[in-house]
Amino acid sequence: MFQAQLAGLSALPKTAKMLLENFPEDRVFAFYGSMGAGKTTFIKAICQELGSADYVTSPSFALINEYTTEAGKVIYHFDFYRIKKIEEAFDLGYEDYIYSGNYCFIEWPEMIESLLPEGIIEVRIDEAENGIRLVRAEKV
């Protein structure tokens, strides 16, 4: 299990690196947290740590964004907050992405939880006092 406290934005790069180092073989990460908890901001730091210089934003309306690293690797970033039916994930072709072997970062995985494979990394971001974020991650 991985745990960290984020006391501010300056802690993001180090925490992103530590998360990736704790799960070096894993590629599917499901991010849980309330609206405004910092899921997208943390994913942006992880993408930068992986070597992507792309502009990382929440794919709220597109459902998926694709980023590329300097080494030519692909990263997929999902946001399932706005889906109304699980069939929308099938229409998106989520399986092609999830089983691609590329990094997949999923915001609002609760919306498609029954479709998620075993062995993913569940990342929980909770807000504490004074803007501190508590990050916990484990393989489930």
N, C-alpha and C. Protein backbone atom coordinates (compact mmCIF):
# COMPACT_ATOMS: atom_id res chain seq x y z
N MET A 1 0.85 -1.18 0.00
CA MET A 1 0.00 0.00 0.00
C MET A 1 0.89 1.24 0.00
N PHE A 2 0.46 2.23 -0.73
CA PHE A 2 1.18 3.50 -0.84
C PHE A 2 0.35 4.58 -0.12
N GLN A 3 1.03 5.44 0.65
CA GLN A 3 0.37 6.56 1.31
C GLN A 3 1.28 7.77 1.26
N ALA A 4 0.66 8.94 1.06
CA ALA A 4 1.42 10.18 1.05
C ALA A 4 0.50 11.33 1.42
N GLN A 5 1.10 12.39 1.93
CA GLN A 5 0.39 13.63 2.21
C GLN A 5 0.88 14.68 1.24
N LEU A 6 -0.04 15.36 0.60
CA LEU A 6 0.30 16.46 -0.30
C LEU A 6 -0.02 17.76 0.42
N ALA A 7 1.01 18.48 0.81
CA ALA A 7 0.80 19.74 1.53
C ALA A 7 0.70 20.92 0.58
N GLY A 8 0.87 20.69 -0.70
CA GLY A 8 0.78 21.76 -1.68
C GLY A 8 1.20 21.26 -3.04
N LEU A 9 1.06 22.12 -4.04
CA LEU A 9 1.38 21.74 -5.41
C LEU A 9 2.84 21.36 -5.60
N SER A 10 3.71 21.94 -4.78
CA SER A 10 5.14 21.64 -4.92
C SER A 10 5.47 20.18 -4.58
N ALA A 11 4.59 19.51 -3.85
CA ALA A 11 4.81 18.11 -3.48
C ALA A 11 4.36 17.14 -4.56
N LEU A 12 3.65 17.63 -5.57
CA LEU A 12 3.10 16.75 -6.60
C LEU A 12 4.15 15.95 -7.38
N PRO A 13 5.20 16.57 -7.91
CA PRO A 13 6.16 15.78 -8.69
C PRO A 13 6.77 14.62 -7.90
N LYS A 14 7.17 14.87 -6.67
CA LYS A 14 7.78 13.83 -5.85
C LYS A 14 6.77 12.72 -5.56
N THR A 15 5.53 13.09 -5.25
CA THR A 15 4.50 12.10 -4.93
C THR A 15 4.14 11.28 -6.17
N ALA A 16 4.07 11.93 -7.32
CA ALA A 16 3.80 11.21 -8.57
C ALA A 16 4.90 10.18 -8.84
N LYS A 17 6.13 10.59 -8.67
CA LYS A 17 7.26 9.68 -8.88
C LYS A 17 7.20 8.50 -7.91
N MET A 18 6.91 8.79 -6.65
CA MET A 18 6.82 7.72 -5.64
C MET A 18 5.70 6.74 -5.95
N LEU A 19 4.57 7.25 -6.41
CA LEU A 19 3.45 6.37 -6.77
C LEU A 19 3.86 5.43 -7.89
N LEU A 20 4.45 5.97 -8.93
CA LEU A 20 4.88 5.13 -10.06
C LEU A 20 5.95 4.12 -9.63
N GLU A 21 6.84 4.52 -8.77
CA GLU A 21 7.88 3.61 -8.29
C GLU A 21 7.30 2.49 -7.44
N ASN A 22 6.21 2.76 -6.74
CA ASN A 22 5.57 1.73 -5.92
C ASN A 22 4.81 0.71 -6.74
N PHE A 23 4.44 1.07 -7.96
CA PHE A 23 3.67 0.18 -8.82
C PHE A 23 4.29 0.15 -10.23
N PRO A 24 5.55 -0.31 -10.32
CA PRO A 24 6.28 -0.19 -11.59
C PRO A 24 5.73 -1.00 -12.75
N GLU A 25 5.04 -2.08 -12.47
CA GLU A 25 4.53 -2.94 -13.54
C GLU A 25 3.07 -2.66 -13.88
N ASP A 26 2.42 -1.85 -13.09
CA ASP A 26 0.98 -1.62 -13.26
C ASP A 26 0.71 -0.48 -14.22
N ARG A 27 -0.41 -0.59 -14.94
CA ARG A 27 -0.73 0.40 -15.96
C ARG A 27 -2.12 1.01 -15.82
N VAL A 28 -3.01 0.40 -15.04
CA VAL A 28 -4.37 0.92 -14.91
C VAL A 28 -4.56 1.45 -13.49
N PHE A 29 -4.83 2.75 -13.39
CA PHE A 29 -4.99 3.43 -12.12
C PHE A 29 -6.37 4.08 -12.08
N ALA A 30 -7.15 3.75 -11.06
CA ALA A 30 -8.49 4.31 -10.89
C ALA A 30 -8.45 5.33 -9.75
N PHE A 31 -8.81 6.57 -10.05
CA PHE A 31 -8.71 7.67 -9.09
C PHE A 31 -10.07 8.00 -8.50
N TYR A 32 -10.16 7.84 -7.18
CA TYR A 32 -11.38 8.15 -6.44
C TYR A 32 -11.15 9.41 -5.62
N GLY A 33 -12.15 10.24 -5.56
CA GLY A 33 -12.07 11.46 -4.75
C GLY A 33 -13.24 12.35 -5.09
N SER A 34 -13.58 13.21 -4.18
CA SER A 34 -14.70 14.12 -4.41
C SER A 34 -14.34 15.15 -5.48
N MET A 35 -15.35 15.84 -5.96
CA MET A 35 -15.14 16.92 -6.92
C MET A 35 -14.19 17.94 -6.29
N GLY A 36 -13.14 18.29 -7.00
CA GLY A 36 -12.18 19.27 -6.50
C GLY A 36 -11.10 18.70 -5.60
N ALA A 37 -11.05 17.37 -5.45
CA ALA A 37 -10.05 16.76 -4.58
C ALA A 37 -8.64 16.83 -5.16
N GLY A 38 -8.54 16.99 -6.47
CA GLY A 38 -7.23 17.08 -7.10
C GLY A 38 -6.86 15.92 -7.99
N LYS A 39 -7.84 15.15 -8.43
CA LYS A 39 -7.56 13.99 -9.27
C LYS A 39 -6.86 14.40 -10.56
N THR A 40 -7.42 15.35 -11.28
CA THR A 40 -6.83 15.78 -12.55
C THR A 40 -5.45 16.40 -12.34
N THR A 41 -5.30 17.18 -11.31
CA THR A 41 -4.01 17.81 -11.01
C THR A 41 -2.95 16.76 -10.72
N PHE A 42 -3.32 15.72 -9.99
CA PHE A 42 -2.37 14.66 -9.69
C PHE A 42 -2.04 13.86 -10.95
N ILE A 43 -3.04 13.59 -11.77
CA ILE A 43 -2.79 12.87 -13.02
C ILE A 43 -1.86 13.68 -13.91
N LYS A 44 -2.02 14.98 -13.93
CA LYS A 44 -1.13 15.84 -14.71
C LYS A 44 0.32 15.66 -14.25
N ALA A 45 0.54 15.63 -12.93
CA ALA A 45 1.89 15.43 -12.40
C ALA A 45 2.45 14.06 -12.77
N ILE A 46 1.59 13.05 -12.76
CA ILE A 46 2.02 11.70 -13.13
C ILE A 46 2.42 11.67 -14.61
N CYS A 47 1.62 12.29 -15.47
CA CYS A 47 1.93 12.34 -16.89
C CYS A 47 3.26 13.05 -17.14
N GLN A 48 3.50 14.12 -16.41
CA GLN A 48 4.78 14.83 -16.53
C GLN A 48 5.92 13.94 -16.08
N GLU A 49 5.72 13.21 -15.01
CA GLU A 49 6.75 12.28 -14.52
C GLU A 49 7.05 11.19 -15.54
N LEU A 50 6.03 10.79 -16.30
CA LEU A 50 6.20 9.78 -17.33
C LEU A 50 6.84 10.35 -18.61
N GLY A 51 7.01 11.67 -18.64
CA GLY A 51 7.68 12.29 -19.77
C GLY A 51 6.77 12.89 -20.81
N SER A 52 5.54 13.19 -20.45
CA SER A 52 4.64 13.84 -21.39
C SER A 52 4.67 15.35 -21.18
N ALA A 53 4.83 16.06 -22.27
CA ALA A 53 4.79 17.52 -22.22
C ALA A 53 3.43 18.03 -22.71
N ASP A 54 2.50 17.10 -22.98
CA ASP A 54 1.18 17.48 -23.46
C ASP A 54 0.40 18.24 -22.39
N TYR A 55 -0.54 19.02 -22.85
CA TYR A 55 -1.42 19.77 -21.95
C TYR A 55 -2.46 18.81 -21.39
N VAL A 56 -2.41 18.54 -20.10
CA VAL A 56 -3.29 17.57 -19.46
C VAL A 56 -4.48 18.30 -18.86
N THR A 57 -5.66 17.91 -19.31
CA THR A 57 -6.91 18.46 -18.78
C THR A 57 -7.87 17.31 -18.54
N SER A 58 -8.90 17.59 -17.77
CA SER A 58 -9.91 16.58 -17.53
C SER A 58 -10.72 16.35 -18.81
N PRO A 59 -10.84 15.10 -19.22
CA PRO A 59 -11.63 14.79 -20.41
C PRO A 59 -13.12 14.67 -20.11
N SER A 60 -13.66 15.62 -19.36
CA SER A 60 -15.04 15.56 -18.90
C SER A 60 -16.05 15.37 -20.03
N PHE A 61 -15.85 16.05 -21.13
CA PHE A 61 -16.83 15.98 -22.22
C PHE A 61 -16.41 14.97 -23.29
N ALA A 62 -15.12 14.83 -23.52
CA ALA A 62 -14.64 13.89 -24.53
C ALA A 62 -14.59 12.46 -23.99
N LEU A 63 -14.61 12.30 -22.68
CA LEU A 63 -14.49 11.05 -21.94
C LEU A 63 -13.07 10.50 -21.92
N ILE A 64 -12.28 10.76 -22.96
CA ILE A 64 -10.91 10.26 -22.97
C ILE A 64 -9.99 11.26 -23.66
N ASN A 65 -8.83 11.46 -23.07
CA ASN A 65 -7.76 12.23 -23.70
C ASN A 65 -6.58 11.30 -23.88
N GLU A 66 -5.82 11.55 -24.92
CA GLU A 66 -4.63 10.76 -25.19
C GLU A 66 -3.42 11.68 -25.16
N TYR A 67 -2.40 11.25 -24.44
CA TYR A 67 -1.16 12.02 -24.34
C TYR A 67 -0.02 11.13 -24.82
N THR A 68 1.06 11.75 -25.23
CA THR A 68 2.23 11.02 -25.69
C THR A 68 3.45 11.46 -24.89
N THR A 69 4.29 10.50 -24.56
CA THR A 69 5.52 10.82 -23.83
C THR A 69 6.63 11.14 -24.83
N GLU A 70 7.73 11.67 -24.32
CA GLU A 70 8.89 11.97 -25.17
C GLU A 70 9.41 10.71 -25.85
N ALA A 71 9.21 9.56 -25.21
CA ALA A 71 9.66 8.28 -25.76
C ALA A 71 8.66 7.67 -26.74
N GLY A 72 7.56 8.39 -27.00
CA GLY A 72 6.56 7.90 -27.94
C GLY A 72 5.53 6.96 -27.35
N LYS A 73 5.53 6.79 -26.04
CA LYS A 73 4.52 5.96 -25.37
C LYS A 73 3.21 6.73 -25.25
N VAL A 74 2.11 6.00 -25.21
CA VAL A 74 0.78 6.61 -25.14
C VAL A 74 0.22 6.47 -23.73
N ILE A 75 -0.43 7.52 -23.28
CA ILE A 75 -1.12 7.53 -21.98
C ILE A 75 -2.58 7.87 -22.25
N TYR A 76 -3.49 7.12 -21.64
CA TYR A 76 -4.91 7.38 -21.77
C TYR A 76 -5.46 7.93 -20.46
N HIS A 77 -6.27 8.97 -20.56
CA HIS A 77 -6.85 9.63 -19.38
C HIS A 77 -8.37 9.67 -19.58
N PHE A 78 -9.09 8.99 -18.72
CA PHE A 78 -10.54 8.90 -18.80
C PHE A 78 -11.21 9.74 -17.71
N ASP A 79 -12.40 10.21 -18.01
CA ASP A 79 -13.25 10.85 -17.01
C ASP A 79 -14.68 10.37 -17.28
N PHE A 80 -15.18 9.51 -16.40
CA PHE A 80 -16.50 8.92 -16.60
C PHE A 80 -17.59 9.61 -15.79
N TYR A 81 -17.32 10.81 -15.30
CA TYR A 81 -18.30 11.52 -14.48
C TYR A 81 -19.63 11.73 -15.20
N ARG A 82 -19.59 12.03 -16.47
CA ARG A 82 -20.79 12.42 -17.20
C ARG A 82 -21.53 11.27 -17.91
N ILE A 83 -21.01 10.04 -17.81
CA ILE A 83 -21.75 8.99 -18.50
C ILE A 83 -23.04 8.69 -17.74
N LYS A 84 -24.05 8.37 -18.49
CA LYS A 84 -25.35 8.08 -17.90
C LYS A 84 -25.64 6.59 -17.86
N LYS A 85 -25.07 5.85 -18.81
CA LYS A 85 -25.27 4.41 -18.88
C LYS A 85 -23.91 3.75 -19.12
N ILE A 86 -23.75 2.58 -18.55
CA ILE A 86 -22.48 1.86 -18.69
C ILE A 86 -22.19 1.50 -20.15
N GLU A 87 -23.25 1.44 -20.95
CA GLU A 87 -23.07 1.14 -22.37
C GLU A 87 -22.20 2.19 -23.08
N GLU A 88 -22.18 3.40 -22.53
CA GLU A 88 -21.36 4.45 -23.13
C GLU A 88 -19.88 4.08 -23.08
N ALA A 89 -19.47 3.35 -22.04
CA ALA A 89 -18.08 2.89 -21.95
C ALA A 89 -17.80 1.86 -23.04
N PHE A 90 -18.78 0.99 -23.31
CA PHE A 90 -18.63 0.01 -24.40
C PHE A 90 -18.53 0.74 -25.74
N ASP A 91 -19.38 1.75 -25.94
CA ASP A 91 -19.36 2.52 -27.18
C ASP A 91 -18.01 3.20 -27.40
N LEU A 92 -17.38 3.59 -26.30
CA LEU A 92 -16.06 4.24 -26.36
C LEU A 92 -14.98 3.23 -26.72
N GLY A 93 -15.26 1.95 -26.50
CA GLY A 93 -14.26 0.92 -26.74
C GLY A 93 -13.26 0.83 -25.61
N TYR A 94 -13.73 1.02 -24.38
CA TYR A 94 -12.85 1.08 -23.22
C TYR A 94 -11.91 -0.11 -23.13
N GLU A 95 -12.36 -1.30 -23.55
CA GLU A 95 -11.53 -2.50 -23.44
C GLU A 95 -10.24 -2.37 -24.24
N ASP A 96 -10.34 -1.75 -25.40
CA ASP A 96 -9.15 -1.57 -26.23
C ASP A 96 -8.09 -0.74 -25.51
N TYR A 97 -8.53 0.22 -24.75
CA TYR A 97 -7.61 1.08 -24.00
C TYR A 97 -7.09 0.39 -22.74
N ILE A 98 -8.01 -0.16 -21.95
CA ILE A 98 -7.67 -0.75 -20.65
C ILE A 98 -6.70 -1.92 -20.82
N TYR A 99 -6.88 -2.69 -21.87
CA TYR A 99 -6.03 -3.87 -22.09
C TYR A 99 -4.91 -3.61 -23.09
N SER A 100 -4.63 -2.35 -23.37
CA SER A 100 -3.60 -2.01 -24.36
C SER A 100 -2.18 -2.16 -23.84
N GLY A 101 -2.01 -2.19 -22.52
CA GLY A 101 -0.67 -2.23 -21.95
C GLY A 101 -0.10 -0.84 -21.73
N ASN A 102 -0.85 0.19 -22.14
CA ASN A 102 -0.44 1.57 -21.92
C ASN A 102 -0.99 2.05 -20.58
N TYR A 103 -0.41 3.13 -20.07
CA TYR A 103 -0.96 3.71 -18.85
C TYR A 103 -2.38 4.22 -19.10
N CYS A 104 -3.26 3.90 -18.17
CA CYS A 104 -4.65 4.37 -18.20
C CYS A 104 -4.96 4.96 -16.83
N PHE A 105 -5.35 6.22 -16.83
CA PHE A 105 -5.71 6.91 -15.61
C PHE A 105 -7.20 7.24 -15.69
N ILE A 106 -7.96 6.73 -14.74
CA ILE A 106 -9.42 6.81 -14.80
C ILE A 106 -9.96 7.66 -13.65
N GLU A 107 -10.63 8.75 -14.01
CA GLU A 107 -11.34 9.55 -13.01
C GLU A 107 -12.79 9.08 -12.98
N TRP A 108 -13.38 9.11 -11.83
CA TRP A 108 -14.75 8.66 -11.59
C TRP A 108 -14.96 7.20 -12.03
N PRO A 109 -14.08 6.30 -11.55
CA PRO A 109 -14.22 4.89 -11.92
C PRO A 109 -15.48 4.25 -11.33
N GLU A 110 -16.08 4.91 -10.33
CA GLU A 110 -17.31 4.36 -9.76
C GLU A 110 -18.39 4.16 -10.81
N MET A 111 -18.34 4.95 -11.87
CA MET A 111 -19.36 4.90 -12.90
C MET A 111 -19.25 3.65 -13.78
N ILE A 112 -18.07 3.02 -13.78
CA ILE A 112 -17.87 1.82 -14.62
C ILE A 112 -17.23 0.69 -13.81
N GLU A 113 -17.38 0.74 -12.51
CA GLU A 113 -16.67 -0.19 -11.63
C GLU A 113 -16.84 -1.65 -12.03
N SER A 114 -18.02 -2.03 -12.47
CA SER A 114 -18.24 -3.44 -12.83
C SER A 114 -17.44 -3.85 -14.06
N LEU A 115 -16.92 -2.90 -14.81
CA LEU A 115 -16.14 -3.21 -16.02
C LEU A 115 -14.64 -3.25 -15.77
N LEU A 116 -14.22 -2.78 -14.61
CA LEU A 116 -12.78 -2.69 -14.34
C LEU A 116 -12.20 -4.08 -14.07
N PRO A 117 -11.03 -4.36 -14.64
CA PRO A 117 -10.40 -5.66 -14.40
C PRO A 117 -9.82 -5.74 -13.00
N GLU A 118 -9.54 -6.95 -12.57
CA GLU A 118 -8.87 -7.14 -11.30
C GLU A 118 -7.42 -6.72 -11.45
N GLY A 119 -6.81 -6.35 -10.33
CA GLY A 119 -5.40 -6.02 -10.34
C GLY A 119 -5.08 -4.59 -10.72
N ILE A 120 -6.09 -3.72 -10.69
CA ILE A 120 -5.81 -2.31 -10.98
C ILE A 120 -5.33 -1.63 -9.70
N ILE A 121 -4.79 -0.44 -9.86
CA ILE A 121 -4.37 0.35 -8.71
C ILE A 121 -5.48 1.34 -8.38
N GLU A 122 -6.00 1.22 -7.19
CA GLU A 122 -7.04 2.12 -6.71
C GLU A 122 -6.37 3.25 -5.94
N VAL A 123 -6.53 4.47 -6.44
CA VAL A 123 -5.93 5.64 -5.81
C VAL A 123 -7.05 6.48 -5.20
N ARG A 124 -6.95 6.73 -3.91
CA ARG A 124 -7.95 7.54 -3.22
C ARG A 124 -7.30 8.84 -2.76
N ILE A 125 -7.95 9.95 -3.11
CA ILE A 125 -7.48 11.27 -2.70
C ILE A 125 -8.55 11.88 -1.81
N ASP A 126 -8.17 12.13 -0.57
CA ASP A 126 -9.09 12.71 0.40
C ASP A 126 -8.57 14.07 0.83
N GLU A 127 -9.49 15.00 1.01
CA GLU A 127 -9.13 16.34 1.46
C GLU A 127 -9.08 16.37 2.98
N ALA A 128 -8.02 16.95 3.51
CA ALA A 128 -7.87 17.14 4.95
C ALA A 128 -7.88 18.64 5.23
N GLU A 129 -7.54 19.01 6.45
CA GLU A 129 -7.53 20.43 6.81
C GLU A 129 -6.40 21.17 6.12
N ASN A 130 -6.58 22.47 5.97
CA ASN A 130 -5.55 23.37 5.43
C ASN A 130 -5.12 23.02 4.01
N GLY A 131 -6.02 22.42 3.22
CA GLY A 131 -5.71 22.11 1.84
C GLY A 131 -4.83 20.89 1.63
N ILE A 132 -4.51 20.18 2.68
CA ILE A 132 -3.68 18.98 2.57
C ILE A 132 -4.52 17.86 1.95
N ARG A 133 -3.89 17.11 1.05
CA ARG A 133 -4.53 15.96 0.42
C ARG A 133 -3.84 14.71 0.92
N LEU A 134 -4.64 13.70 1.24
CA LEU A 134 -4.13 12.39 1.63
C LEU A 134 -4.31 11.46 0.45
N VAL A 135 -3.23 10.87 0.01
CA VAL A 135 -3.25 9.98 -1.15
C VAL A 135 -2.93 8.56 -0.67
N ARG A 136 -3.82 7.64 -0.99
CA ARG A 136 -3.62 6.23 -0.66
C ARG A 136 -3.80 5.43 -1.95
N ALA A 137 -2.95 4.44 -2.16
CA ALA A 137 -3.07 3.61 -3.35
C ALA A 137 -2.77 2.16 -3.00
N GLU A 138 -3.53 1.25 -3.61
CA GLU A 138 -3.28 -0.16 -3.43
C GLU A 138 -3.84 -0.94 -4.61
N LYS A 139 -3.25 -2.09 -4.82
CA LYS A 139 -3.72 -2.98 -5.89
C LYS A 139 -4.96 -3.70 -5.41
N VAL A 140 -6.00 -3.71 -6.23
CA VAL A 140 -7.25 -4.39 -5.87
C VAL A 140 -7.65 -5.37 -6.95
